[in-house]
Amino acid sequence: DPDDIEGDLNLLPREGYLKGGEFVKDLLVPGDAAKSFLMTVIKWED
């Protein structure tokens, strides 16, 4: 729902992963999962 995107993070387009959101800018670093905050998020490490 474009009117209800949490944390200003739109994950529909690839660009949304690259841009990040309100609180996280390095959500996706293509080619480097260790530097991608997405891994921390989905592993519940923070």
All heavy atoms as atom14 arrays in JSON, in Angstrom:
{
  "sequence": "DPDDIEGDLNLLPREGYLKGGEFVKDLLVPGDAAKSFLMTVIKWED",
  "atom14_mask": [
    [1, 1, 1, 1, 1, 1, 1, 1, 0, 0, 0, 0, 0, 0],
    [1, 1, 1, 1, 1, 1, 1, 0, 0, 0, 0, 0, 0, 0],
    [1, 1, 1, 1, 1, 1, 1, 1, 0, 0, 0, 0, 0, 0],
    [1, 1, 1, 1, 1, 1, 1, 1, 0, 0, 0, 0, 0, 0],
    [1, 1, 1, 1, 1, 1, 1, 1, 0, 0, 0, 0, 0, 0],
    [1, 1, 1, 1, 1, 1, 1, 1, 1, 0, 0, 0, 0, 0],
    [1, 1, 1, 1, 0, 0, 0, 0, 0, 0, 0, 0, 0, 0],
    [1, 1, 1, 1, 1, 1, 1, 1, 0, 0, 0, 0, 0, 0],
    [1, 1, 1, 1, 1, 1, 1, 1, 0, 0, 0, 0, 0, 0],
    [1, 1, 1, 1, 1, 1, 1, 1, 0, 0, 0, 0, 0, 0],
    [1, 1, 1, 1, 1, 1, 1, 1, 0, 0, 0, 0, 0, 0],
    [1, 1, 1, 1, 1, 1, 1, 1, 0, 0, 0, 0, 0, 0],
    [1, 1, 1, 1, 1, 1, 1, 0, 0, 0, 0, 0, 0, 0],
    [1, 1, 1, 1, 1, 1, 1, 1, 1, 1, 1, 0, 0, 0],
    [1, 1, 1, 1, 1, 1, 1, 1, 1, 0, 0, 0, 0, 0],
    [1, 1, 1, 1, 0, 0, 0, 0, 0, 0, 0, 0, 0, 0],
    [1, 1, 1, 1, 1, 1, 1, 1, 1, 1, 1, 1, 0, 0],
    [1, 1, 1, 1, 1, 1, 1, 1, 0, 0, 0, 0, 0, 0],
    [1, 1, 1, 1, 1, 1, 1, 1, 1, 0, 0, 0, 0, 0],
    [1, 1, 1, 1, 0, 0, 0, 0, 0, 0, 0, 0, 0, 0],
    [1, 1, 1, 1, 0, 0, 0, 0, 0, 0, 0, 0, 0, 0],
    [1, 1, 1, 1, 1, 1, 1, 1, 1, 0, 0, 0, 0, 0],
    [1, 1, 1, 1, 1, 1, 1, 1, 1, 1, 1, 0, 0, 0],
    [1, 1, 1, 1, 1, 1, 1, 0, 0, 0, 0, 0, 0, 0],
    [1, 1, 1, 1, 1, 1, 1, 1, 1, 0, 0, 0, 0, 0],
    [1, 1, 1, 1, 1, 1, 1, 1, 0, 0, 0, 0, 0, 0],
    [1, 1, 1, 1, 1, 1, 1, 1, 0, 0, 0, 0, 0, 0],
    [1, 1, 1, 1, 1, 1, 1, 1, 0, 0, 0, 0, 0, 0],
    [1, 1, 1, 1, 1, 1, 1, 0, 0, 0, 0, 0, 0, 0],
    [1, 1, 1, 1, 1, 1, 1, 0, 0, 0, 0, 0, 0, 0],
    [1, 1, 1, 1, 0, 0, 0, 0, 0, 0, 0, 0, 0, 0],
    [1, 1, 1, 1, 1, 1, 1, 1, 0, 0, 0, 0, 0, 0],
    [1, 1, 1, 1, 1, 0, 0, 0, 0, 0, 0, 0, 0, 0],
    [1, 1, 1, 1, 1, 0, 0, 0, 0, 0, 0, 0, 0, 0],
    [1, 1, 1, 1, 1, 1, 1, 1, 1, 0, 0, 0, 0, 0],
    [1, 1, 1, 1, 1, 1, 0, 0, 0, 0, 0, 0, 0, 0],
    [1, 1, 1, 1, 1, 1, 1, 1, 1, 1, 1, 0, 0, 0],
    [1, 1, 1, 1, 1, 1, 1, 1, 0, 0, 0, 0, 0, 0],
    [1, 1, 1, 1, 1, 1, 1, 1, 0, 0, 0, 0, 0, 0],
    [1, 1, 1, 1, 1, 1, 1, 0, 0, 0, 0, 0, 0, 0],
    [1, 1, 1, 1, 1, 1, 1, 0, 0, 0, 0, 0, 0, 0],
    [1, 1, 1, 1, 1, 1, 1, 1, 0, 0, 0, 0, 0, 0],
    [1, 1, 1, 1, 1, 1, 1, 1, 1, 0, 0, 0, 0, 0],
    [1, 1, 1, 1, 1, 1, 1, 1, 1, 1, 1, 1, 1, 1],
    [1, 1, 1, 1, 1, 1, 1, 1, 1, 0, 0, 0, 0, 0],
    [1, 1, 1, 1, 1, 1, 1, 1, 0, 0, 0, 0, 0, 0]
  ],
  "atom14_positions": [
    [[0.86, -1.19, 0.0], [0.0, 0.0, 0.0], [0.9, 1.24, 0.0], [1.53, 1.55, 1.01], [-0.91, -0.01, 1.24], [-1.84, 1.19, 1.3], [-1.74, 2.09, 0.43], [-2.66, 1.23, 2.23], [0.0, 0.0, 0.0], [0.0, 0.0, 0.0], [0.0, 0.0, 0.0], [0.0, 0.0, 0.0], [0.0, 0.0, 0.0], [0.0, 0.0, 0.0]],
    [[0.99, 1.95, -1.11], [1.87, 3.12, -1.2], [1.62, 4.18, -0.13], [2.52, 4.94, 0.21], [1.6, 3.69, -2.59], [0.92, 2.61, -3.34], [0.25, 1.73, -2.35], [0.0, 0.0, 0.0], [0.0, 0.0, 0.0], [0.0, 0.0, 0.0], [0.0, 0.0, 0.0], [0.0, 0.0, 0.0], [0.0, 0.0, 0.0], [0.0, 0.0, 0.0]],
    [[0.41, 4.21, 0.42], [0.1, 5.19, 1.45], [0.46, 4.71, 2.85], [0.32, 5.47, 3.81], [-1.4, 5.54, 1.41], [-1.79, 6.22, 0.1], [-0.96, 6.97, -0.44], [-2.92, 5.98, -0.37], [0.0, 0.0, 0.0], [0.0, 0.0, 0.0], [0.0, 0.0, 0.0], [0.0, 0.0, 0.0], [0.0, 0.0, 0.0], [0.0, 0.0, 0.0]],
    [[0.91, 3.48, 2.97], [1.19, 2.9, 4.29], [2.5, 2.11, 4.26], [2.56, 0.95, 4.64], [0.03, 2.0, 4.72], [0.13, 1.59, 6.18], [0.75, 2.33, 6.96], [-0.4, 0.52, 6.52], [0.0, 0.0, 0.0], [0.0, 0.0, 0.0], [0.0, 0.0, 0.0], [0.0, 0.0, 0.0], [0.0, 0.0, 0.0], [0.0, 0.0, 0.0]],
    [[3.57, 2.75, 3.81], [4.89, 2.11, 3.75], [5.63, 2.41, 5.04], [5.9, 3.57, 5.35], [5.69, 2.59, 2.52], [4.99, 2.12, 1.25], [7.11, 2.07, 2.59], [5.65, 2.57, -0.02], [0.0, 0.0, 0.0], [0.0, 0.0, 0.0], [0.0, 0.0, 0.0], [0.0, 0.0, 0.0], [0.0, 0.0, 0.0], [0.0, 0.0, 0.0]],
    [[5.95, 1.38, 5.79], [6.59, 1.54, 7.09], [8.06, 1.92, 6.94], [8.8, 1.36, 6.14], [6.45, 0.24, 7.88], [4.99, -0.09, 8.18], [4.82, -1.41, 8.91], [5.73, -1.82, 9.63], [3.76, -2.02, 8.73], [0.0, 0.0, 0.0], [0.0, 0.0, 0.0], [0.0, 0.0, 0.0], [0.0, 0.0, 0.0], [0.0, 0.0, 0.0]],
    [[8.49, 2.89, 7.73], [9.88, 3.31, 7.77], [10.41, 3.87, 6.48], [11.61, 3.86, 6.24], [0.0, 0.0, 0.0], [0.0, 0.0, 0.0], [0.0, 0.0, 0.0], [0.0, 0.0, 0.0], [0.0, 0.0, 0.0], [0.0, 0.0, 0.0], [0.0, 0.0, 0.0], [0.0, 0.0, 0.0], [0.0, 0.0, 0.0], [0.0, 0.0, 0.0]],
    [[9.53, 4.36, 5.61], [9.93, 4.91, 4.31], [10.77, 3.91, 3.52], [11.7, 4.27, 2.82], [10.69, 6.23, 4.49], [10.82, 7.0, 3.19], [9.92, 6.89, 2.34], [11.84, 7.7, 3.03], [0.0, 0.0, 0.0], [0.0, 0.0, 0.0], [0.0, 0.0, 0.0], [0.0, 0.0, 0.0], [0.0, 0.0, 0.0], [0.0, 0.0, 0.0]],
    [[10.41, 2.62, 3.64], [11.16, 1.55, 2.97], [10.22, 0.8, 2.04], [9.42, -0.02, 2.47], [11.75, 0.59, 4.01], [12.56, -0.58, 3.47], [13.76, -0.1, 2.67], [13.01, -1.46, 4.63], [0.0, 0.0, 0.0], [0.0, 0.0, 0.0], [0.0, 0.0, 0.0], [0.0, 0.0, 0.0], [0.0, 0.0, 0.0], [0.0, 0.0, 0.0]],
    [[10.32, 1.11, 0.75], [9.5, 0.46, -0.27], [10.31, -0.67, -0.9], [11.29, -0.44, -1.6], [9.09, 1.46, -1.34], [8.15, 0.88, -2.37], [7.94, -0.33, -2.42], [7.58, 1.74, -3.19], [0.0, 0.0, 0.0], [0.0, 0.0, 0.0], [0.0, 0.0, 0.0], [0.0, 0.0, 0.0], [0.0, 0.0, 0.0], [0.0, 0.0, 0.0]],
    [[9.87, -1.91, -0.65], [10.59, -3.07, -1.15], [9.98, -3.68, -2.4], [10.34, -4.79, -2.78], [10.7, -4.13, -0.05], [11.48, -3.68, 1.19], [11.55, -4.8, 2.2], [12.86, -3.17, 0.84], [0.0, 0.0, 0.0], [0.0, 0.0, 0.0], [0.0, 0.0, 0.0], [0.0, 0.0, 0.0], [0.0, 0.0, 0.0], [0.0, 0.0, 0.0]],
    [[9.09, -2.96, -3.05], [8.57, -3.46, -4.32], [9.62, -3.38, -5.43], [9.88, -4.37, -6.09], [7.29, -2.73, -4.73], [6.02, -3.22, -4.07], [4.82, -2.41, -4.52], [5.78, -4.68, -4.34], [0.0, 0.0, 0.0], [0.0, 0.0, 0.0], [0.0, 0.0, 0.0], [0.0, 0.0, 0.0], [0.0, 0.0, 0.0], [0.0, 0.0, 0.0]],
    [[10.25, -2.22, -5.63], [11.3, -2.19, -6.66], [12.67, -2.51, -6.05], [12.89, -2.32, -4.84], [11.27, -0.75, -7.15], [10.86, 0.04, -5.95], [9.91, -0.86, -5.18], [0.0, 0.0, 0.0], [0.0, 0.0, 0.0], [0.0, 0.0, 0.0], [0.0, 0.0, 0.0], [0.0, 0.0, 0.0], [0.0, 0.0, 0.0], [0.0, 0.0, 0.0]],
    [[13.57, -2.98, -6.86], [14.95, -3.25, -6.41], [15.58, -1.98, -5.85], [16.33, -2.02, -4.88], [15.77, -3.78, -7.59], [17.21, -4.14, -7.21], [17.93, -4.75, -8.42], [19.19, -5.35, -8.06], [20.36, -4.73, -8.09], [20.41, -3.45, -8.43], [21.47, -5.36, -7.76], [0.0, 0.0, 0.0], [0.0, 0.0, 0.0], [0.0, 0.0, 0.0]],
    [[15.25, -0.85, -6.45], [15.8, 0.42, -6.0], [15.46, 0.7, -4.53], [16.21, 1.38, -3.84], [15.3, 1.57, -6.88], [15.83, 1.55, -8.29], [15.18, 0.49, -9.19], [14.01, 0.09, -8.94], [15.85, 0.02, -10.12], [0.0, 0.0, 0.0], [0.0, 0.0, 0.0], [0.0, 0.0, 0.0], [0.0, 0.0, 0.0], [0.0, 0.0, 0.0]],
    [[14.32, 0.2, -4.08], [13.95, 0.38, -2.68], [14.91, -0.3, -1.74], [15.27, 0.24, -0.69], [0.0, 0.0, 0.0], [0.0, 0.0, 0.0], [0.0, 0.0, 0.0], [0.0, 0.0, 0.0], [0.0, 0.0, 0.0], [0.0, 0.0, 0.0], [0.0, 0.0, 0.0], [0.0, 0.0, 0.0], [0.0, 0.0, 0.0], [0.0, 0.0, 0.0]],
    [[15.37, -1.49, -2.11], [16.37, -2.21, -1.3], [17.69, -1.43, -1.3], [18.37, -1.35, -0.29], [16.63, -3.61, -1.86], [15.52, -4.59, -1.62], [14.47, -4.74, -2.51], [15.52, -5.4, -0.48], [13.47, -5.66, -2.3], [14.51, -6.32, -0.25], [13.49, -6.44, -1.16], [12.49, -7.35, -0.93], [0.0, 0.0, 0.0], [0.0, 0.0, 0.0]],
    [[18.05, -0.87, -2.45], [19.31, -0.14, -2.58], [19.27, 1.2, -1.87], [20.26, 1.62, -1.27], [19.65, 0.06, -4.06], [19.88, -1.22, -4.87], [20.01, -0.9, -6.35], [21.1, -1.97, -4.36], [0.0, 0.0, 0.0], [0.0, 0.0, 0.0], [0.0, 0.0, 0.0], [0.0, 0.0, 0.0], [0.0, 0.0, 0.0], [0.0, 0.0, 0.0]],
    [[18.13, 1.87, -1.92], [17.98, 3.17, -1.27], [17.92, 3.05, 0.24], [18.43, 3.87, 0.97], [16.71, 3.85, -1.79], [16.4, 5.17, -1.14], [15.05, 5.69, -1.63], [14.62, 6.83, -0.74], [13.19, 6.85, -0.51], [0.0, 0.0, 0.0], [0.0, 0.0, 0.0], [0.0, 0.0, 0.0], [0.0, 0.0, 0.0], [0.0, 0.0, 0.0]],
    [[17.26, 1.99, 0.7], [17.05, 1.85, 2.14], [15.83, 2.64, 2.56], [14.98, 3.0, 1.75], [0.0, 0.0, 0.0], [0.0, 0.0, 0.0], [0.0, 0.0, 0.0], [0.0, 0.0, 0.0], [0.0, 0.0, 0.0], [0.0, 0.0, 0.0], [0.0, 0.0, 0.0], [0.0, 0.0, 0.0], [0.0, 0.0, 0.0], [0.0, 0.0, 0.0]],
    [[15.75, 2.91, 3.84], [14.58, 3.6, 4.36], [14.95, 4.7, 5.31], [16.08, 5.21, 5.31], [0.0, 0.0, 0.0], [0.0, 0.0, 0.0], [0.0, 0.0, 0.0], [0.0, 0.0, 0.0], [0.0, 0.0, 0.0], [0.0, 0.0, 0.0], [0.0, 0.0, 0.0], [0.0, 0.0, 0.0], [0.0, 0.0, 0.0], [0.0, 0.0, 0.0]],
    [[14.02, 5.03, 6.15], [14.17, 6.12, 7.1], [15.34, 5.89, 8.07], [16.06, 6.8, 8.43], [12.86, 6.27, 7.87], [12.82, 7.41, 8.85], [11.47, 7.5, 9.54], [10.54, 6.74, 9.2], [11.35, 8.34, 10.43], [0.0, 0.0, 0.0], [0.0, 0.0, 0.0], [0.0, 0.0, 0.0], [0.0, 0.0, 0.0], [0.0, 0.0, 0.0]],
    [[15.52, 4.65, 8.5], [16.51, 4.34, 9.53], [17.73, 3.59, 9.02], [18.75, 3.54, 9.7], [15.86, 3.52, 10.65], [14.66, 4.18, 11.25], [13.39, 3.72, 10.97], [14.8, 5.28, 12.08], [12.27, 4.33, 11.52], [13.69, 5.91, 12.64], [12.42, 5.44, 12.35], [0.0, 0.0, 0.0], [0.0, 0.0, 0.0], [0.0, 0.0, 0.0]],
    [[17.64, 3.0, 7.85], [18.71, 2.13, 7.35], [19.02, 2.5, 5.91], [18.12, 2.54, 5.07], [18.27, 0.65, 7.42], [19.33, -0.24, 6.83], [17.97, 0.24, 8.84], [0.0, 0.0, 0.0], [0.0, 0.0, 0.0], [0.0, 0.0, 0.0], [0.0, 0.0, 0.0], [0.0, 0.0, 0.0], [0.0, 0.0, 0.0], [0.0, 0.0, 0.0]],
    [[20.28, 2.77, 5.64], [20.69, 3.1, 4.27], [21.43, 1.94, 3.6], [21.43, 1.83, 2.4], [21.58, 4.34, 4.26], [20.89, 5.57, 4.82], [19.66, 5.94, 4.01], [18.97, 7.14, 4.61], [17.54, 7.16, 4.41], [0.0, 0.0, 0.0], [0.0, 0.0, 0.0], [0.0, 0.0, 0.0], [0.0, 0.0, 0.0], [0.0, 0.0, 0.0]],
    [[22.08, 1.09, 4.35], [22.86, -0.01, 3.78], [22.1, -1.34, 3.88], [22.65, -2.37, 4.2], [24.22, -0.12, 4.44], [24.14, -0.35, 5.96], [23.04, -0.18, 6.53], [25.16, -0.71, 6.56], [0.0, 0.0, 0.0], [0.0, 0.0, 0.0], [0.0, 0.0, 0.0], [0.0, 0.0, 0.0], [0.0, 0.0, 0.0], [0.0, 0.0, 0.0]],
    [[20.82, -1.29, 3.57], [19.99, -2.48, 3.67], [20.5, -3.57, 2.74], [20.6, -4.73, 3.13], [18.53, -2.15, 3.33], [17.56, -3.32, 3.46], [17.39, -3.7, 4.93], [16.23, -2.97, 2.84], [0.0, 0.0, 0.0], [0.0, 0.0, 0.0], [0.0, 0.0, 0.0], [0.0, 0.0, 0.0], [0.0, 0.0, 0.0], [0.0, 0.0, 0.0]],
    [[20.82, -3.2, 1.52], [21.28, -4.16, 0.53], [22.57, -3.67, -0.12], [22.6, -2.59, -0.7], [20.21, -4.37, -0.55], [20.58, -5.28, -1.71], [20.82, -6.71, -1.22], [19.49, -5.27, -2.77], [0.0, 0.0, 0.0], [0.0, 0.0, 0.0], [0.0, 0.0, 0.0], [0.0, 0.0, 0.0], [0.0, 0.0, 0.0], [0.0, 0.0, 0.0]],
    [[23.61, -4.47, 0.01], [24.87, -4.22, -0.67], [25.07, -5.39, -1.63], [25.53, -6.46, -1.22], [26.05, -4.11, 0.32], [27.35, -3.85, -0.42], [25.78, -3.03, 1.36], [0.0, 0.0, 0.0], [0.0, 0.0, 0.0], [0.0, 0.0, 0.0], [0.0, 0.0, 0.0], [0.0, 0.0, 0.0], [0.0, 0.0, 0.0], [0.0, 0.0, 0.0]],
    [[24.65, -5.23, -2.9], [24.74, -6.34, -3.84], [26.15, -6.92, -3.9], [27.13, -6.19, -3.99], [24.34, -5.71, -5.17], [23.46, -4.58, -4.8], [24.07, -4.04, -3.52], [0.0, 0.0, 0.0], [0.0, 0.0, 0.0], [0.0, 0.0, 0.0], [0.0, 0.0, 0.0], [0.0, 0.0, 0.0], [0.0, 0.0, 0.0], [0.0, 0.0, 0.0]],
    [[26.22, -8.25, -3.79], [27.5, -8.94, -3.83], [28.13, -9.14, -2.47], [29.14, -9.82, -2.35], [0.0, 0.0, 0.0], [0.0, 0.0, 0.0], [0.0, 0.0, 0.0], [0.0, 0.0, 0.0], [0.0, 0.0, 0.0], [0.0, 0.0, 0.0], [0.0, 0.0, 0.0], [0.0, 0.0, 0.0], [0.0, 0.0, 0.0], [0.0, 0.0, 0.0]],
    [[27.56, -8.54, -1.41], [28.17, -8.64, -0.09], [27.11, -8.74, 1.01], [26.71, -7.73, 1.6], [29.07, -7.43, 0.15], [30.03, -7.63, 1.31], [29.81, -8.55, 2.14], [31.0, -6.86, 1.39], [0.0, 0.0, 0.0], [0.0, 0.0, 0.0], [0.0, 0.0, 0.0], [0.0, 0.0, 0.0], [0.0, 0.0, 0.0], [0.0, 0.0, 0.0]],
    [[26.67, -9.96, 1.27], [25.65, -10.18, 2.3], [26.14, -9.74, 3.67], [25.35, -9.25, 4.48], [25.23, -11.65, 2.33], [0.0, 0.0, 0.0], [0.0, 0.0, 0.0], [0.0, 0.0, 0.0], [0.0, 0.0, 0.0], [0.0, 0.0, 0.0], [0.0, 0.0, 0.0], [0.0, 0.0, 0.0], [0.0, 0.0, 0.0], [0.0, 0.0, 0.0]],
    [[27.42, -9.87, 3.95], [27.95, -9.5, 5.26], [27.8, -8.01, 5.54], [27.67, -7.61, 6.7], [29.42, -9.91, 5.36], [0.0, 0.0, 0.0], [0.0, 0.0, 0.0], [0.0, 0.0, 0.0], [0.0, 0.0, 0.0], [0.0, 0.0, 0.0], [0.0, 0.0, 0.0], [0.0, 0.0, 0.0], [0.0, 0.0, 0.0], [0.0, 0.0, 0.0]],
    [[27.79, -7.18, 4.51], [27.64, -5.73, 4.68], [26.19, -5.27, 4.52], [25.91, -4.09, 4.7], [28.52, -4.98, 3.68], [30.0, -5.12, 3.98], [30.82, -4.3, 3.01], [32.3, -4.45, 3.29], [33.11, -3.74, 2.29], [0.0, 0.0, 0.0], [0.0, 0.0, 0.0], [0.0, 0.0, 0.0], [0.0, 0.0, 0.0], [0.0, 0.0, 0.0]],
    [[25.3, -6.19, 4.18], [23.89, -5.85, 3.96], [23.13, -5.98, 5.27], [23.02, -7.06, 5.84], [23.28, -6.79, 2.91], [23.93, -6.63, 1.68], [0.0, 0.0, 0.0], [0.0, 0.0, 0.0], [0.0, 0.0, 0.0], [0.0, 0.0, 0.0], [0.0, 0.0, 0.0], [0.0, 0.0, 0.0], [0.0, 0.0, 0.0], [0.0, 0.0, 0.0]],
    [[22.58, -4.86, 5.72], [21.83, -4.85, 6.98], [20.6, -5.76, 6.91], [20.1, -6.21, 7.94], [21.44, -3.43, 7.36], [20.94, -3.3, 8.77], [21.8, -3.51, 9.84], [19.63, -2.98, 9.03], [21.35, -3.41, 11.15], [19.16, -2.87, 10.34], [20.03, -3.09, 11.4], [0.0, 0.0, 0.0], [0.0, 0.0, 0.0], [0.0, 0.0, 0.0]],
    [[20.16, -6.07, 5.72], [19.04, -6.99, 5.56], [19.32, -8.31, 6.26], [18.42, -8.91, 6.86], [18.76, -7.23, 4.07], [17.61, -8.17, 3.73], [16.29, -7.67, 4.3], [17.5, -8.35, 2.22], [0.0, 0.0, 0.0], [0.0, 0.0, 0.0], [0.0, 0.0, 0.0], [0.0, 0.0, 0.0], [0.0, 0.0, 0.0], [0.0, 0.0, 0.0]],
    [[20.54, -8.78, 6.24], [20.89, -10.05, 6.9], [20.72, -9.93, 8.42], [20.22, -10.84, 9.06], [22.32, -10.48, 6.55], [22.51, -10.83, 5.08], [21.38, -12.1, 4.46], [21.81, -13.48, 5.51], [0.0, 0.0, 0.0], [0.0, 0.0, 0.0], [0.0, 0.0, 0.0], [0.0, 0.0, 0.0], [0.0, 0.0, 0.0], [0.0, 0.0, 0.0]],
    [[21.12, -8.81, 8.98], [20.95, -8.58, 10.42], [19.48, -8.57, 10.79], [19.07, -9.15, 11.8], [21.59, -7.23, 10.82], [22.99, -7.28, 10.48], [21.43, -6.94, 12.29], [0.0, 0.0, 0.0], [0.0, 0.0, 0.0], [0.0, 0.0, 0.0], [0.0, 0.0, 0.0], [0.0, 0.0, 0.0], [0.0, 0.0, 0.0], [0.0, 0.0, 0.0]],
    [[18.69, -7.92, 9.94], [17.26, -7.79, 10.19], [16.57, -9.16, 10.15], [15.81, -9.49, 11.06], [16.64, -6.83, 9.14], [15.14, -6.86, 9.17], [17.16, -5.42, 9.36], [0.0, 0.0, 0.0], [0.0, 0.0, 0.0], [0.0, 0.0, 0.0], [0.0, 0.0, 0.0], [0.0, 0.0, 0.0], [0.0, 0.0, 0.0], [0.0, 0.0, 0.0]],
    [[16.82, -9.95, 9.12], [16.1, -11.22, 8.98], [16.61, -12.29, 9.94], [15.91, -13.26, 10.21], [16.11, -11.74, 7.53], [17.51, -12.08, 7.06], [15.41, -10.74, 6.62], [17.57, -12.75, 5.69], [0.0, 0.0, 0.0], [0.0, 0.0, 0.0], [0.0, 0.0, 0.0], [0.0, 0.0, 0.0], [0.0, 0.0, 0.0], [0.0, 0.0, 0.0]],
    [[17.83, -12.1, 10.47], [18.35, -13.04, 11.47], [17.95, -12.64, 12.89], [18.28, -13.31, 13.84], [19.88, -13.12, 11.39], [20.38, -13.8, 10.15], [21.9, -13.81, 10.16], [22.48, -14.51, 8.98], [23.97, -14.5, 9.03], [0.0, 0.0, 0.0], [0.0, 0.0, 0.0], [0.0, 0.0, 0.0], [0.0, 0.0, 0.0], [0.0, 0.0, 0.0]],
    [[17.27, -11.5, 13.04], [16.86, -10.96, 14.33], [18.07, -10.73, 15.23], [18.07, -11.04, 16.41], [15.86, -11.9, 15.01], [14.46, -11.79, 14.5], [14.07, -11.58, 13.2], [13.25, -11.87, 15.25], [12.7, -11.54, 13.11], [12.17, -11.72, 14.37], [12.99, -12.07, 16.59], [10.85, -11.76, 14.77], [11.68, -12.1, 17.0], [10.62, -11.95, 16.1]],
    [[19.13, -10.14, 14.69], [20.35, -9.88, 15.44], [20.38, -8.49, 16.07], [21.3, -8.19, 16.83], [21.57, -10.06, 14.53], [21.76, -11.5, 14.09], [22.92, -11.68, 13.12], [23.37, -10.7, 12.51], [23.35, -12.83, 13.0], [0.0, 0.0, 0.0], [0.0, 0.0, 0.0], [0.0, 0.0, 0.0], [0.0, 0.0, 0.0], [0.0, 0.0, 0.0]],
    [[19.42, -7.65, 15.75], [19.33, -6.32, 16.33], [17.91, -6.16, 16.88], [16.95, -6.16, 16.11], [19.61, -5.25, 15.27], [19.6, -3.84, 15.82], [18.83, -3.55, 16.77], [20.35, -3.0, 15.29], [0.0, 0.0, 0.0], [0.0, 0.0, 0.0], [0.0, 0.0, 0.0], [0.0, 0.0, 0.0], [0.0, 0.0, 0.0], [0.0, 0.0, 0.0]]
  ]
}
